[in-house]
Every structure is written in structure tokens, then in C-alpha cells.
């Protein structure tokens, strides 16, 4: 049985969230619960909450029997902002957002 959880419009860079997702993809939910609080990235909080939500949606009793089958991040809308510069100029910077999707299943992933 599979369960999906999505976190949409999160104010994190997709690249940084992808680095955290790479650490937990294919692991059990129990290992992810132990690993994510020690990751020195602010995006690990977002990934932890999304894994917890996917596990809750699955209805599996034991977190060691639930595995993260798929985990991916997509780019969300970009907010363009302007910062004043010297001599009346301006600098445009982008505030990125992302959509995180995590799929939890009770089947152990195969090693390829």
C-alpha cells in the first residue's frame, strides 16, 4: 500500500531540498526520523514534516516497516524582488519556492 504527502509552495530552494531528499530516499521511515534532525539544513524540517505526514497517511503501524519509495522536489513559482543599489540602480533577486512529494510504502525497496 502506498501513501503520498505533498508540501506545496514551500519557501525553500529546490536544490537545497533535493540535497536533503537524497539522504532519505529508499530508507525506512524510522531511519529518516533519526537522520533528519541531525542534518545541518533548514530544509530538513520541511522534509521531516512531509515524511511524517506521508507515514500518517499510510496507516502502517510500525515505522520500521514503512519505506520511502519515492521522494522528489519540483520548482514552484519564483517571486522577483528589487533591492536598491548605488546611483539609483537596482538589483533583482529571486525568492524561490518548491513543491515536495514523498511516497511511502510497506514494500522494501530493491537494491539496483
Protein backbone atom coordinates (compact mmCIF):
# COMPACT_ATOMS: atom_id res chain seq x y z
CA UNK A 1 0.00 0.00 0.00
CA UNK A 2 1.29 3.43 -0.95
CA UNK A 3 0.63 6.78 0.64
CA UNK A 4 1.53 10.20 -0.72
CA UNK A 5 2.18 13.51 1.03
CA UNK A 6 2.85 16.82 -0.69
CA UNK A 7 4.17 20.11 0.63
CA UNK A 8 3.39 22.85 -1.87
CA UNK A 9 4.69 26.41 -2.16
CA UNK A 10 7.39 25.88 0.46
CA UNK A 11 9.82 28.79 0.68
CA UNK A 12 13.00 26.75 0.18
CA UNK A 13 15.30 26.46 -2.79
CA UNK A 14 14.57 23.26 -4.77
CA UNK A 15 18.29 22.49 -4.98
CA UNK A 16 18.75 22.53 -1.20
CA UNK A 17 15.63 20.45 -0.59
CA UNK A 18 16.85 17.94 -3.18
CA UNK A 19 20.10 17.50 -1.25
CA UNK A 20 18.13 16.53 1.87
CA UNK A 21 15.79 14.22 -0.07
CA UNK A 22 18.78 12.36 -1.50
CA UNK A 23 19.73 11.35 2.06
CA UNK A 24 16.38 9.72 2.92
CA UNK A 25 15.28 8.23 -0.41
CA UNK A 26 14.98 4.43 -0.11
CA UNK A 27 15.39 4.36 3.67
CA UNK A 28 12.85 3.28 6.26
CA UNK A 29 10.74 5.95 7.92
CA UNK A 30 12.32 5.10 11.28
CA UNK A 31 15.82 5.80 9.89
CA UNK A 32 14.58 9.03 8.35
CA UNK A 33 13.15 10.11 11.72
CA UNK A 34 16.57 9.58 13.32
CA UNK A 35 18.59 11.10 10.47
CA UNK A 36 16.70 14.29 9.59
CA UNK A 37 17.10 16.19 12.91
CA UNK A 38 20.89 15.88 12.57
CA UNK A 39 21.08 17.25 9.01
CA UNK A 40 22.50 20.82 9.06
CA UNK A 41 20.00 22.24 6.55
CA UNK A 42 16.87 24.23 7.31
CA UNK A 43 15.04 22.24 4.61
CA UNK A 44 15.36 19.12 6.78
CA UNK A 45 12.44 20.41 8.90
CA UNK A 46 10.22 20.56 5.81
CA UNK A 47 11.27 17.06 4.71
CA UNK A 48 10.74 15.68 8.24
CA UNK A 49 7.18 17.06 8.39
CA UNK A 50 6.37 15.73 4.92
CA UNK A 51 7.73 12.24 5.75
CA UNK A 52 5.70 12.27 8.97
CA UNK A 53 2.57 13.22 7.02
CA UNK A 54 3.14 10.50 4.39
CA UNK A 55 3.67 7.90 7.12
CA UNK A 56 0.47 9.00 8.88
CA UNK A 57 -1.44 8.71 5.59
CA UNK A 58 -0.14 5.16 5.05
CA UNK A 59 -1.77 3.60 8.11
CA UNK A 60 1.23 1.32 8.71
CA UNK A 61 1.62 0.56 12.42
CA UNK A 62 5.42 0.26 12.67
CA UNK A 63 7.71 2.98 11.21
CA UNK A 64 10.48 0.41 10.67
CA UNK A 65 8.16 -1.44 8.23
CA UNK A 66 7.41 1.70 6.16
CA UNK A 67 9.88 2.75 3.46
CA UNK A 68 10.30 5.92 1.43
CA UNK A 69 9.77 4.63 -2.09
CA UNK A 70 9.93 7.92 -4.00
CA UNK A 71 10.85 11.44 -2.97
CA UNK A 72 11.20 14.34 -5.36
CA UNK A 73 11.08 18.12 -5.48
CA UNK A 74 9.73 20.39 -8.20
CA UNK A 75 10.34 24.10 -8.62
CA UNK A 76 7.49 26.35 -7.55
CA UNK A 77 6.78 29.95 -8.52
CA UNK A 78 9.60 32.46 -8.19
CA UNK A 79 8.98 35.82 -6.50
CA UNK A 80 11.08 38.55 -8.09
CA UNK A 81 12.17 41.32 -5.75
CA UNK A 82 14.21 44.51 -6.23
CA UNK A 83 16.97 45.81 -3.98
CA UNK A 84 18.20 49.42 -4.33
CA UNK A 85 21.80 49.86 -5.48
CA UNK A 86 24.22 52.76 -5.75
CA UNK A 87 23.48 55.75 -8.04
CA UNK A 88 19.77 54.95 -8.36
CA UNK A 89 20.32 51.46 -9.77
CA UNK A 90 18.57 48.30 -8.76
CA UNK A 91 19.40 44.65 -8.37
CA UNK A 92 16.82 41.94 -8.95
CA UNK A 93 16.91 38.88 -6.71
CA UNK A 94 14.66 35.84 -6.73
CA UNK A 95 12.87 34.20 -3.82
CA UNK A 96 12.47 30.58 -4.85
CA UNK A 97 9.82 28.11 -3.74
CA UNK A 98 9.30 24.39 -4.24
CA UNK A 99 6.81 21.52 -4.14
CA UNK A 100 7.94 18.37 -2.26
CA UNK A 101 6.33 14.96 -2.87
CA UNK A 102 7.08 11.85 -0.80
CA UNK A 103 5.67 8.36 -1.39
CA UNK A 104 5.74 5.85 1.49
CA UNK A 105 5.09 2.13 1.00
CA UNK A 106 5.23 -1.07 3.03
CA UNK A 107 7.36 -2.94 0.46
CA UNK A 108 11.09 -2.99 0.98
CA UNK A 109 12.85 -1.22 -1.94
CA UNK A 110 15.01 -3.41 -4.16
CA UNK A 111 18.71 -2.66 -4.49
CA UNK A 112 19.55 -1.87 -8.13
